Amino acid sequence: HKHVFVEKPLCINEQELHEIDELYKNLLSKNQAPYLMVGYNRRFSPHSQQAYQHLQKRINPIMIHYRVNAGFVPKSHWVHSEEEGRSRIVGEICHFVDMLIFLTGSNPTKIYAERVKGDDQSIINNDNINITISFQDGSVGNIFYTASGDKAFSRERVEIYSEGKTIVIDDYKETTIYFNGKRKSYKTINQDMGYKNELEHFIDVIKGKSKPLLTYKEIYDSTLTIFKIEESISKGEPIVL
């Protein structure tokens, strides 16, 4: 019955997720559930918050493209271990799924993923993947995740298109809003991916000072989605949640 902060991912297979879900919903039904939070720090970045605020009054669905230049990790690394890391889809892409959920404010409904077909050694197939996620509100998000790029190039770029407005987050250093032919930028002195803000929020929630900005439903949906990404790859078809 203790509050829990767990670094992403919440778990590494679907069976574990079902076990957690059964336990947590049982506690919820008894009004005994502690606060469960996963370290999805990016949604707490001031850059993400800037983008989120500019999407609040929208009526129509949005389009999001999230590009990740992740860097190569050899096959022998623990992140690829079935028992420990499971895969970078599970261990890292969950971050970007959560960001799509956060920005759309909607639930994933369908997932389709394609990966490269290399030797799985000099190029790790699952580390070079394109994922399309449909959302309940009609929005569509795309995650382009590659380990084949150069580390000198920026790691992450988020592009959001909504009702004549374009919002770009560049590596969580600069956010630019384009609207009515004008350009407005928000910059931080250093890269701010939200680590400090998420920990402060967790403390405020368990002290009763704030309401959770990351809900159990969002955590469950993002975690289930990453397992369905793997299922889509293995079956070669879209997966409906």
Protein backbone atom coordinates (compact mmCIF):
# COMPACT_ATOMS: atom_id res chain seq x y z
CA HIS A 1 0.00 0.00 0.00
CA LYS A 2 2.94 2.34 -0.49
CA HIS A 3 3.09 4.99 -3.19
CA VAL A 4 5.25 3.83 -6.10
CA PHE A 5 7.53 5.68 -8.49
CA VAL A 6 8.95 3.25 -11.04
CA GLU A 7 11.31 4.15 -13.85
CA LYS A 8 9.96 3.23 -17.25
CA PRO A 9 8.83 0.76 -18.28
CA LEU A 10 6.15 -0.30 -15.81
CA CYS A 11 6.85 -3.96 -16.68
CA ILE A 12 8.40 -5.97 -19.49
CA ASN A 13 5.65 -8.33 -20.66
CA GLU A 14 1.89 -8.45 -20.99
CA GLN A 15 1.42 -11.05 -18.25
CA GLU A 16 3.07 -8.74 -15.73
CA LEU A 17 0.81 -5.91 -16.91
CA HIS A 18 -2.31 -8.03 -16.35
CA GLU A 19 -1.12 -8.93 -12.84
CA ILE A 20 -0.48 -5.27 -11.97
CA ASP A 21 -3.81 -4.23 -13.47
CA GLU A 22 -5.77 -6.82 -11.49
CA LEU A 23 -4.08 -5.83 -8.23
CA TYR A 24 -4.37 -2.08 -8.79
CA LYS A 25 -8.03 -2.18 -9.83
CA ASN A 26 -8.79 -4.28 -6.76
CA LEU A 27 -7.17 -1.59 -4.57
CA LEU A 28 -9.07 1.13 -6.45
CA SER A 29 -12.37 -0.65 -5.81
CA LYS A 30 -11.60 -0.56 -2.08
CA ASN A 31 -10.43 3.06 -2.24
CA GLN A 32 -7.01 1.86 -1.03
CA ALA A 33 -4.92 2.50 -4.14
CA PRO A 34 -1.63 4.34 -3.56
CA TYR A 35 -0.31 6.68 -6.24
CA LEU A 36 1.46 4.77 -9.00
CA MET A 37 3.70 6.83 -11.27
CA VAL A 38 5.99 5.79 -14.11
CA GLY A 39 8.96 7.99 -15.03
CA TYR A 40 7.54 9.49 -18.20
CA ASN A 41 9.52 12.66 -17.65
CA ARG A 42 9.04 14.21 -21.10
CA ARG A 43 5.42 15.17 -20.49
CA PHE A 44 6.68 17.26 -17.54
CA SER A 45 9.17 19.22 -19.62
CA PRO A 46 8.32 22.93 -19.96
CA HIS A 47 8.58 22.40 -23.72
CA SER A 48 5.87 19.73 -23.66
CA GLN A 49 3.76 21.96 -21.45
CA GLN A 50 4.15 24.83 -23.94
CA ALA A 51 2.94 22.60 -26.77
CA TYR A 52 0.10 21.22 -24.67
CA GLN A 53 -1.21 24.69 -23.81
CA HIS A 54 -1.41 25.61 -27.50
CA LEU A 55 -3.57 22.54 -28.18
CA GLN A 56 -6.18 23.09 -25.48
CA LYS A 57 -8.79 24.91 -27.56
CA ARG A 58 -8.63 22.68 -30.62
CA ILE A 59 -11.77 21.05 -32.00
CA ASN A 60 -10.28 18.83 -34.71
CA PRO A 61 -7.89 15.84 -34.54
CA ILE A 62 -4.15 16.51 -34.72
CA MET A 63 -1.20 14.96 -36.52
CA ILE A 64 2.07 14.30 -34.67
CA HIS A 65 5.43 13.11 -35.98
CA TYR A 66 7.97 12.13 -33.30
CA ARG A 67 11.46 11.43 -34.65
CA VAL A 68 14.03 9.75 -32.39
CA ASN A 69 17.70 9.40 -33.34
CA ALA A 70 18.42 6.93 -30.54
CA GLY A 71 21.99 5.80 -31.24
CA PHE A 72 23.30 2.27 -31.69
CA VAL A 73 23.31 -0.20 -28.79
CA PRO A 74 24.96 -3.60 -29.48
CA LYS A 75 22.93 -6.81 -29.35
CA SER A 76 24.89 -7.95 -26.27
CA HIS A 77 23.66 -5.00 -24.17
CA TRP A 78 21.21 -5.71 -21.31
CA VAL A 79 18.51 -3.53 -22.88
CA HIS A 80 18.02 -6.30 -25.45
CA SER A 81 17.91 -9.08 -22.84
CA GLU A 82 14.58 -10.91 -22.72
CA GLU A 83 14.79 -11.22 -18.92
CA GLU A 84 15.96 -7.69 -18.08
CA GLY A 85 15.44 -5.01 -20.70
CA ARG A 86 13.22 -6.97 -23.08
CA SER A 87 13.75 -4.50 -25.95
CA ARG A 88 14.13 -0.81 -26.68
CA ILE A 89 10.52 -0.88 -27.87
CA VAL A 90 9.49 -1.73 -24.32
CA GLY A 91 12.20 0.19 -22.49
CA GLU A 92 12.35 3.41 -24.51
CA ILE A 93 9.53 3.75 -27.02
CA CYS A 94 7.06 3.74 -24.13
CA HIS A 95 8.31 7.32 -23.49
CA PHE A 96 7.20 8.47 -26.91
CA VAL A 97 3.88 6.64 -26.78
CA ASP A 98 3.15 8.46 -23.54
CA MET A 99 3.98 11.78 -25.17
CA LEU A 100 1.45 11.10 -27.94
CA ILE A 101 -1.17 10.22 -25.31
CA PHE A 102 -0.33 13.40 -23.41
CA LEU A 103 -0.45 15.70 -26.43
CA THR A 104 -3.65 14.25 -27.90
CA GLY A 105 -5.35 13.80 -24.53
CA SER A 106 -6.85 10.66 -26.05
CA ASN A 107 -6.62 6.86 -25.87
CA PRO A 108 -4.79 4.72 -28.46
CA THR A 109 -7.17 2.58 -30.51
CA LYS A 110 -5.04 0.99 -33.26
CA ILE A 111 -1.32 0.35 -33.79
CA TYR A 112 0.67 -0.58 -36.86
CA ALA A 113 4.46 -0.99 -36.88
CA GLU A 114 7.12 -1.81 -39.47
CA ARG A 115 10.82 -2.45 -38.81
CA VAL A 116 13.86 -2.92 -41.01
CA LYS A 117 14.97 -6.40 -42.05
CA GLY A 118 18.73 -6.39 -41.45
CA ASP A 119 21.18 -8.88 -39.95
CA ASP A 120 20.06 -7.95 -36.40
CA GLN A 121 23.70 -7.51 -35.36
CA SER A 122 25.32 -4.58 -37.17
CA ILE A 123 21.81 -3.16 -37.38
CA ILE A 124 19.27 -4.15 -34.72
CA ASN A 125 15.95 -4.65 -36.47
CA ASN A 126 13.70 -3.64 -33.55
CA ASP A 127 15.78 -0.47 -33.04
CA ASN A 128 14.81 0.82 -36.48
CA ILE A 129 11.07 1.04 -36.54
CA ASN A 130 8.21 3.19 -37.73
CA ILE A 131 4.98 3.15 -35.70
CA THR A 132 1.59 4.64 -36.51
CA ILE A 133 -0.95 5.01 -33.70
CA SER A 134 -4.59 6.00 -34.15
CA PHE A 135 -6.42 7.69 -31.27
CA GLN A 136 -10.01 7.73 -30.09
CA ASP A 137 -10.44 11.43 -30.95
CA GLY A 138 -9.36 10.82 -34.56
CA SER A 139 -5.77 12.02 -34.11
CA VAL A 140 -2.85 10.13 -35.63
CA GLY A 141 0.68 9.92 -34.24
CA ASN A 142 3.80 8.60 -35.91
CA ILE A 143 6.95 7.49 -34.06
CA PHE A 144 10.07 7.21 -36.22
CA TYR A 145 12.72 5.51 -34.06
CA THR A 146 16.16 4.71 -35.44
CA ALA A 147 19.51 3.57 -34.10
CA SER A 148 21.21 3.99 -37.48
CA GLY A 149 21.93 7.72 -37.32
CA ASP A 150 24.88 9.77 -36.14
CA LYS A 151 24.98 10.95 -32.51
CA ALA A 152 26.09 14.41 -33.61
CA PHE A 153 22.59 14.89 -35.00
CA SER A 154 19.80 15.93 -32.60
CA ARG A 155 18.18 13.11 -30.66
CA GLU A 156 14.51 14.07 -30.63
CA ARG A 157 12.16 16.28 -32.62
CA VAL A 158 8.39 16.50 -32.22
CA GLU A 159 6.24 18.09 -34.94
CA ILE A 160 2.56 18.79 -34.21
CA TYR A 161 0.06 19.95 -36.84
CA SER A 162 -3.28 21.33 -35.66
CA GLU A 163 -5.85 23.68 -37.21
CA GLY A 164 -3.41 25.82 -39.18
CA LYS A 165 -0.83 25.75 -36.42
CA THR A 166 2.55 23.97 -36.39
CA ILE A 167 4.38 23.31 -33.12
CA VAL A 168 7.94 21.98 -33.11
CA ILE A 169 9.90 20.75 -30.08
CA ASP A 170 13.61 20.51 -30.87
CA ASP A 171 15.48 18.25 -28.45
CA TYR A 172 13.68 19.83 -25.49
CA LYS A 173 15.85 22.92 -25.91
CA GLU A 174 13.58 25.04 -28.09
CA THR A 175 9.88 25.00 -28.88
CA THR A 176 8.61 26.97 -31.87
CA ILE A 177 4.99 27.79 -32.65
CA TYR A 178 4.06 28.78 -36.22
CA PHE A 179 0.64 30.40 -36.60
CA ASN A 180 -0.92 33.02 -38.92
CA GLY A 181 2.40 33.40 -40.75
CA LYS A 182 4.22 34.28 -37.53
CA ARG A 183 6.85 32.44 -35.53
CA LYS A 184 7.21 32.41 -31.75
CA SER A 185 9.98 30.56 -29.88
CA TYR A 186 10.41 29.35 -26.33
CA LYS A 187 13.95 28.38 -25.25
CA THR A 188 15.57 26.97 -22.12
CA ILE A 189 19.22 27.58 -21.26
CA ASN A 190 19.86 23.84 -21.20
CA GLN A 191 17.98 20.81 -22.43
CA ASP A 192 15.02 20.31 -20.07
CA MET A 193 13.40 16.89 -20.36
CA GLY A 194 11.28 17.29 -17.25
CA TYR A 195 13.16 15.11 -14.73
CA LYS A 196 13.06 17.65 -11.90
CA ASN A 197 9.44 18.56 -12.56
CA GLU A 198 8.22 14.96 -12.56
CA LEU A 199 9.86 14.19 -9.19
CA GLU A 200 8.48 17.37 -7.65
CA HIS A 201 5.04 16.45 -8.98
CA PHE A 202 5.23 12.94 -7.49
CA ILE A 203 6.11 14.40 -4.09
CA ASP A 204 3.31 16.98 -4.33
CA VAL A 205 0.76 14.29 -5.19
CA ILE A 206 1.64 12.01 -2.27
CA LYS A 207 1.58 15.04 0.05
CA GLY A 208 -1.88 15.91 -1.23
CA LYS A 209 -0.78 19.21 -2.76
CA SER A 210 -1.54 18.28 -6.39
CA LYS A 211 -3.80 16.03 -8.40
CA PRO A 212 -2.04 13.44 -10.61
CA LEU A 213 -1.07 14.71 -14.05
CA LEU A 214 -0.29 11.14 -15.10
CA THR A 215 -3.21 8.78 -14.52
CA TYR A 216 -3.25 5.01 -14.08
CA LYS A 217 -5.34 4.71 -17.27
CA GLU A 218 -2.64 6.54 -19.24
CA ILE A 219 0.08 4.33 -17.75
CA TYR A 220 -1.90 1.18 -18.57
CA ASP A 221 -2.66 2.34 -22.13
CA SER A 222 0.96 3.29 -22.92
CA THR A 223 2.26 0.00 -21.54
CA LEU A 224 -0.29 -2.12 -23.41
CA THR A 225 0.48 -0.18 -26.59
CA ILE A 226 4.18 -1.10 -26.55
CA PHE A 227 3.32 -4.79 -26.30
CA LYS A 228 0.89 -4.38 -29.20
CA ILE A 229 3.68 -2.72 -31.22
CA GLU A 230 5.66 -5.96 -30.86
CA GLU A 231 2.55 -7.94 -31.79
CA SER A 232 2.01 -5.83 -34.89
CA ILE A 233 5.60 -6.48 -35.99
CA SER A 234 5.31 -10.23 -35.46
CA LYS A 235 1.95 -10.50 -37.27
CA GLY A 236 2.65 -7.90 -39.94
CA GLU A 237 -0.73 -6.28 -39.46
CA PRO A 238 -2.48 -3.49 -37.50
CA ILE A 239 -3.57 -4.34 -33.97
CA VAL A 240 -6.80 -2.93 -32.57
CA LEU A 241 -6.85 -2.28 -28.84
